[in-house]
Amino acid sequence: MKLFLSSLIFFLLLQGCGYKPTAHYAKGVLGSKVSVAVDVYAADPLNSVIIKDAVLQALITRFRIVTTQRKFSVTHLDVKLKSVGETAIEYDANGYVVARRITVTLMINRLTKGVKRSYNVSGLFDFSIEPNAIVSDSDRFKAIKAASLKAIDALIVQLAVEGNM
C-alpha cells in the first residue's frame, strides 16, 4: 500500500510538471496510421523478415499505432537493412569467445504529408555464449531482433526531438 501511494504521488508530480514520454512526441510526428515497407536485403533475406517483425512490434507496443495499407496511412516508413554485424567482445582466460555483439544498422525513410525525412539508426545487443561454442541460428535471430528494437528506440528519440520543436 505504501509503495502504491508513493508511486501515485510520483506520477502525479510528473504529470503536474508537464512531463510527457518521448513516445508522445514521436507519435505526434508519425500520426495515428502508419504503413511500413521493409526492403528485403538480398544477401540476408531471413534477417529482413525478423527486422520487419521487430519494427511492427515496436510501433504497436511503444506508440500504440495502427499499421495500415499505404493508401490509408498518414505516414509511410521505408525500412532498409543496411548491415548486420557480429563481433566478439569478450574472451575467457583460454582465448575462447564468451560474449558477442550484434549491430544492426537501418536506414529509414519517413514520408508524412509530402515531407520526406531520412534516418540512419543503429542498435546493439550483447549476448553471452559458452566458451568454444557455435552460435545457434535461434540465438542469432533473437539478438538481431533485440538489436533492431534498440535501433527503433533510437528512431523514437529522433522523432521525439522533431515533435518537441
C-alpha atoms as a PDB file:
ATOM      1  CA  MET A   1       0.000   0.000   0.000  1.00  0.00           C
ATOM      2  CA  LYS A   2       2.837   2.359   0.876  1.00  0.00           C
ATOM      3  CA  LEU A   3       4.542   1.577  -2.461  1.00  0.00           C
ATOM      4  CA  PHE A   4       1.302   2.253  -4.328  1.00  0.00           C
ATOM      5  CA  LEU A   5       0.826   5.632  -2.673  1.00  0.00           C
ATOM      6  CA  SER A   6       4.419   6.713  -3.248  1.00  0.00           C
ATOM      7  CA  SER A   7       4.185   5.648  -6.907  1.00  0.00           C
ATOM      8  CA  LEU A   8       0.917   7.532  -7.320  1.00  0.00           C
ATOM      9  CA  ILE A   9       2.396  10.690  -5.805  1.00  0.00           C
ATOM     10  CA  PHE A  10       5.473  10.390  -8.037  1.00  0.00           C
ATOM     11  CA  PHE A  11       3.386  10.103 -11.217  1.00  0.00           C
ATOM     12  CA  LEU A  12       1.097  12.944 -10.170  1.00  0.00           C
ATOM     13  CA  LEU A  13       4.123  15.165  -9.612  1.00  0.00           C
ATOM     14  CA  LEU A  14       5.488  14.252 -13.043  1.00  0.00           C
ATOM     15  CA  GLN A  15       2.134  14.964 -14.652  1.00  0.00           C
ATOM     16  CA  GLY A  16       1.850  18.240 -12.780  1.00  0.00           C
ATOM     17  CA  CYS A  17       5.174  19.498 -14.104  1.00  0.00           C
ATOM     18  CA  GLY A  18       4.217  18.769 -17.721  1.00  0.00           C
ATOM     19  CA  TYR A  19       6.212  15.566 -18.213  1.00  0.00           C
ATOM     20  CA  LYS A  20       5.328  13.631 -21.350  1.00  0.00           C
ATOM     21  CA  PRO A  21       7.126  10.488 -22.516  1.00  0.00           C
ATOM     22  CA  THR A  22       9.168  10.566 -25.726  1.00  0.00           C
ATOM     23  CA  ALA A  23       6.671   8.254 -27.418  1.00  0.00           C
ATOM     24  CA  HIS A  24       4.046  11.008 -27.050  1.00  0.00           C
ATOM     25  CA  TYR A  25       6.109  13.440 -29.126  1.00  0.00           C
ATOM     26  CA  ALA A  26       7.175  10.764 -31.616  1.00  0.00           C
ATOM     27  CA  LYS A  27       3.561   9.702 -32.116  1.00  0.00           C
ATOM     28  CA  GLY A  28       2.715  13.329 -32.896  1.00  0.00           C
ATOM     29  CA  VAL A  29       5.237  13.261 -35.745  1.00  0.00           C
ATOM     30  CA  LEU A  30       4.080   9.904 -37.130  1.00  0.00           C
ATOM     31  CA  GLY A  31       0.327  10.361 -36.824  1.00  0.00           C
ATOM     32  CA  SER A  32      -2.202   7.693 -35.965  1.00  0.00           C
ATOM     33  CA  LYS A  33      -1.977   5.457 -39.033  1.00  0.00           C
ATOM     34  CA  VAL A  34       1.362   4.220 -40.292  1.00  0.00           C
ATOM     35  CA  SER A  35       2.316   1.925 -43.146  1.00  0.00           C
ATOM     36  CA  VAL A  36       5.627   0.097 -43.152  1.00  0.00           C
ATOM     37  CA  ALA A  37       7.605  -1.411 -46.009  1.00  0.00           C
ATOM     38  CA  VAL A  38      10.772  -3.347 -45.280  1.00  0.00           C
ATOM     39  CA  ASP A  39      13.092  -3.904 -48.221  1.00  0.00           C
ATOM     40  CA  VAL A  40      14.424  -7.425 -48.339  1.00  0.00           C
ATOM     41  CA  TYR A  41      18.188  -7.497 -48.099  1.00  0.00           C
ATOM     42  CA  ALA A  42      19.173  -9.857 -50.919  1.00  0.00           C
ATOM     43  CA  ALA A  43      22.259 -11.156 -49.102  1.00  0.00           C
ATOM     44  CA  ASP A  44      20.275 -11.917 -45.931  1.00  0.00           C
ATOM     45  CA  PRO A  45      16.501 -12.215 -46.591  1.00  0.00           C
ATOM     46  CA  LEU A  46      15.735 -14.034 -43.333  1.00  0.00           C
ATOM     47  CA  ASN A  47      17.055 -11.145 -41.241  1.00  0.00           C
ATOM     48  CA  SER A  48      14.809  -8.752 -43.174  1.00  0.00           C
ATOM     49  CA  VAL A  49      11.752 -10.685 -42.021  1.00  0.00           C
ATOM     50  CA  ILE A  50      12.971 -10.593 -38.414  1.00  0.00           C
ATOM     51  CA  ILE A  51      13.558  -6.850 -38.661  1.00  0.00           C
ATOM     52  CA  LYS A  52      10.093  -6.237 -40.141  1.00  0.00           C
ATOM     53  CA  ASP A  53       8.571  -8.103 -37.186  1.00  0.00           C
ATOM     54  CA  ALA A  54      10.666  -6.012 -34.780  1.00  0.00           C
ATOM     55  CA  VAL A  55       9.601  -2.736 -36.447  1.00  0.00           C
ATOM     56  CA  LEU A  56       5.916  -3.671 -36.333  1.00  0.00           C
ATOM     57  CA  GLN A  57       6.243  -4.817 -32.721  1.00  0.00           C
ATOM     58  CA  ALA A  58       7.902  -1.520 -31.771  1.00  0.00           C
ATOM     59  CA  LEU A  59       5.232   0.567 -33.489  1.00  0.00           C
ATOM     60  CA  ILE A  60       2.420  -1.305 -31.805  1.00  0.00           C
ATOM     61  CA  THR A  61       3.901  -1.594 -28.311  1.00  0.00           C
ATOM     62  CA  ARG A  62       5.691   1.744 -27.993  1.00  0.00           C
ATOM     63  CA  PHE A  63       3.282   4.009 -29.886  1.00  0.00           C
ATOM     64  CA  ARG A  64       0.000   2.094 -29.867  1.00  0.00           C
ATOM     65  CA  ILE A  65      -0.230   2.942 -33.564  1.00  0.00           C
ATOM     66  CA  VAL A  66      -2.418   1.181 -36.093  1.00  0.00           C
ATOM     67  CA  THR A  67      -0.463  -0.149 -39.043  1.00  0.00           C
ATOM     68  CA  THR A  68      -2.404   0.018 -42.263  1.00  0.00           C
ATOM     69  CA  GLN A  69      -2.060  -0.117 -46.031  1.00  0.00           C
ATOM     70  CA  ARG A  70      -0.074   2.664 -47.622  1.00  0.00           C
ATOM     71  CA  LYS A  71      -3.075   4.301 -49.302  1.00  0.00           C
ATOM     72  CA  PHE A  72      -4.797   4.766 -45.910  1.00  0.00           C
ATOM     73  CA  SER A  73      -1.748   5.862 -43.924  1.00  0.00           C
ATOM     74  CA  VAL A  74      -0.752   9.289 -42.658  1.00  0.00           C
ATOM     75  CA  THR A  75       2.913   8.266 -42.536  1.00  0.00           C
ATOM     76  CA  HIS A  76       4.821   5.710 -44.581  1.00  0.00           C
ATOM     77  CA  LEU A  77       8.080   4.223 -43.331  1.00  0.00           C
ATOM     78  CA  ASP A  78      10.513   2.592 -45.755  1.00  0.00           C
ATOM     79  CA  VAL A  79      12.929   0.475 -43.739  1.00  0.00           C
ATOM     80  CA  LYS A  80      16.121  -0.811 -45.325  1.00  0.00           C
ATOM     81  CA  LEU A  81      18.589  -3.077 -43.626  1.00  0.00           C
ATOM     82  CA  LYS A  82      21.998  -1.538 -44.225  1.00  0.00           C
ATOM     83  CA  SER A  83      24.055  -4.041 -42.285  1.00  0.00           C
ATOM     84  CA  VAL A  84      24.138  -6.719 -39.627  1.00  0.00           C
ATOM     85  CA  GLY A  85      27.490  -7.046 -37.927  1.00  0.00           C
ATOM     86  CA  GLU A  86      28.687  -9.579 -35.426  1.00  0.00           C
ATOM     87  CA  THR A  87      31.854  -9.192 -33.368  1.00  0.00           C
ATOM     88  CA  ALA A  88      33.495 -10.902 -30.432  1.00  0.00           C
ATOM     89  CA  ILE A  89      33.662  -8.586 -27.412  1.00  0.00           C
ATOM     90  CA  GLU A  90      34.916 -10.783 -24.594  1.00  0.00           C
ATOM     91  CA  TYR A  91      37.289 -13.721 -24.269  1.00  0.00           C
ATOM     92  CA  ASP A  92      37.982 -16.123 -21.397  1.00  0.00           C
ATOM     93  CA  ALA A  93      41.432 -16.957 -19.984  1.00  0.00           C
ATOM     94  CA  ASN A  94      41.982 -19.605 -22.693  1.00  0.00           C
ATOM     95  CA  GLY A  95      41.190 -17.214 -25.533  1.00  0.00           C
ATOM     96  CA  TYR A  96      37.711 -18.558 -26.317  1.00  0.00           C
ATOM     97  CA  VAL A  97      34.966 -16.110 -27.200  1.00  0.00           C
ATOM     98  CA  VAL A  98      32.405 -15.848 -24.369  1.00  0.00           C
ATOM     99  CA  ALA A  99      30.450 -12.752 -25.458  1.00  0.00           C
ATOM    100  CA  ARG A 100      29.388 -11.425 -28.836  1.00  0.00           C
ATOM    101  CA  ARG A 101      27.822  -8.188 -30.075  1.00  0.00           C
ATOM    102  CA  ILE A 102      25.260  -7.886 -32.846  1.00  0.00           C
ATOM    103  CA  THR A 103      24.998  -4.477 -34.520  1.00  0.00           C
ATOM    104  CA  VAL A 104      22.023  -3.724 -36.765  1.00  0.00           C
ATOM    105  CA  THR A 105      22.054  -0.571 -38.882  1.00  0.00           C
ATOM    106  CA  LEU A 106      18.820   0.560 -40.523  1.00  0.00           C
ATOM    107  CA  MET A 107      18.077   3.328 -42.979  1.00  0.00           C
ATOM    108  CA  ILE A 108      14.526   4.575 -42.525  1.00  0.00           C
ATOM    109  CA  ASN A 109      12.795   6.974 -44.896  1.00  0.00           C
ATOM    110  CA  ARG A 110       9.689   8.641 -43.486  1.00  0.00           C
ATOM    111  CA  LEU A 111       7.098  10.241 -45.740  1.00  0.00           C
ATOM    112  CA  THR A 112       4.500  12.309 -43.867  1.00  0.00           C
ATOM    113  CA  LYS A 113       2.163  14.670 -45.730  1.00  0.00           C
ATOM    114  CA  GLY A 114       4.580  15.035 -48.635  1.00  0.00           C
ATOM    115  CA  VAL A 115       7.602  15.716 -46.416  1.00  0.00           C
ATOM    116  CA  LYS A 116      10.382  13.152 -46.670  1.00  0.00           C
ATOM    117  CA  ARG A 117      12.995  12.631 -43.953  1.00  0.00           C
ATOM    118  CA  SER A 118      15.752  10.033 -43.725  1.00  0.00           C
ATOM    119  CA  TYR A 119      17.221   8.477 -40.586  1.00  0.00           C
ATOM    120  CA  ASN A 120      20.190   6.188 -40.057  1.00  0.00           C
ATOM    121  CA  VAL A 121      19.832   4.325 -36.791  1.00  0.00           C
ATOM    122  CA  SER A 122      21.826   1.554 -35.148  1.00  0.00           C
ATOM    123  CA  GLY A 123      21.102  -0.849 -32.357  1.00  0.00           C
ATOM    124  CA  LEU A 124      23.479  -3.042 -30.368  1.00  0.00           C
ATOM    125  CA  PHE A 125      22.810  -6.229 -28.460  1.00  0.00           C
ATOM    126  CA  ASP A 126      25.415  -8.133 -26.438  1.00  0.00           C
ATOM    127  CA  PHE A 127      24.958 -11.775 -25.510  1.00  0.00           C
ATOM    128  CA  SER A 128      26.993 -14.486 -23.821  1.00  0.00           C
ATOM    129  CA  ILE A 129      27.906 -17.854 -25.219  1.00  0.00           C
ATOM    130  CA  GLU A 130      29.652 -20.865 -23.831  1.00  0.00           C
ATOM    131  CA  PRO A 131      33.417 -20.965 -24.484  1.00  0.00           C
ATOM    132  CA  ASN A 132      34.246 -22.518 -27.852  1.00  0.00           C
ATOM    133  CA  ALA A 133      30.548 -22.822 -28.727  1.00  0.00           C
ATOM    134  CA  ILE A 134      28.898 -22.181 -32.051  1.00  0.00           C
ATOM    135  CA  VAL A 135      26.183 -19.514 -32.002  1.00  0.00           C
ATOM    136  CA  SER A 136      22.906 -21.145 -32.964  1.00  0.00           C
ATOM    137  CA  ASP A 137      20.608 -19.552 -35.532  1.00  0.00           C
ATOM    138  CA  SER A 138      17.963 -19.152 -32.834  1.00  0.00           C
ATOM    139  CA  ASP A 139      20.304 -17.166 -30.573  1.00  0.00           C
ATOM    140  CA  ARG A 140      21.488 -15.069 -33.505  1.00  0.00           C
ATOM    141  CA  PHE A 141      17.921 -14.255 -34.611  1.00  0.00           C
ATOM    142  CA  LYS A 142      16.923 -13.266 -31.072  1.00  0.00           C
ATOM    143  CA  ALA A 143      19.960 -10.990 -30.893  1.00  0.00           C
ATOM    144  CA  ILE A 144      19.166  -9.432 -34.281  1.00  0.00           C
ATOM    145  CA  LYS A 145      15.581  -8.783 -33.207  1.00  0.00           C
ATOM    146  CA  ALA A 146      16.724  -7.203 -29.926  1.00  0.00           C
ATOM    147  CA  ALA A 147      19.268  -5.013 -31.762  1.00  0.00           C
ATOM    148  CA  SER A 148      16.560  -3.998 -34.258  1.00  0.00           C
ATOM    149  CA  LEU A 149      14.272  -2.965 -31.411  1.00  0.00           C
ATOM    150  CA  LYS A 150      17.088  -0.833 -29.994  1.00  0.00           C
ATOM    151  CA  ALA A 151      17.561   0.769 -33.417  1.00  0.00           C
ATOM    152  CA  ILE A 152      13.842   1.605 -33.472  1.00  0.00           C
ATOM    153  CA  ASP A 153      14.232   3.085 -29.982  1.00  0.00           C
ATOM    154  CA  ALA A 154      16.929   5.350 -31.439  1.00  0.00           C
ATOM    155  CA  LEU A 155      14.434   6.371 -34.135  1.00  0.00           C
ATOM    156  CA  ILE A 156      11.850   7.153 -31.438  1.00  0.00           C
ATOM    157  CA  VAL A 157      14.312   9.546 -29.815  1.00  0.00           C
ATOM    158  CA  GLN A 158      14.967  11.321 -33.114  1.00  0.00           C
ATOM    159  CA  LEU A 159      11.235  11.601 -33.817  1.00  0.00           C
ATOM    160  CA  ALA A 160      10.602  12.899 -30.292  1.00  0.00           C
ATOM    161  CA  VAL A 161      13.156  15.653 -30.813  1.00  0.00           C
ATOM    162  CA  GLU A 162      11.379  16.649 -34.040  1.00  0.00           C
ATOM    163  CA  GLY A 163       7.998  16.554 -32.308  1.00  0.00           C
ATOM    164  CA  ASN A 164       9.210  18.716 -29.448  1.00  0.00           C
ATOM    165  CA  MET A 165      10.485  21.513 -31.712  1.00  0.00           C
END
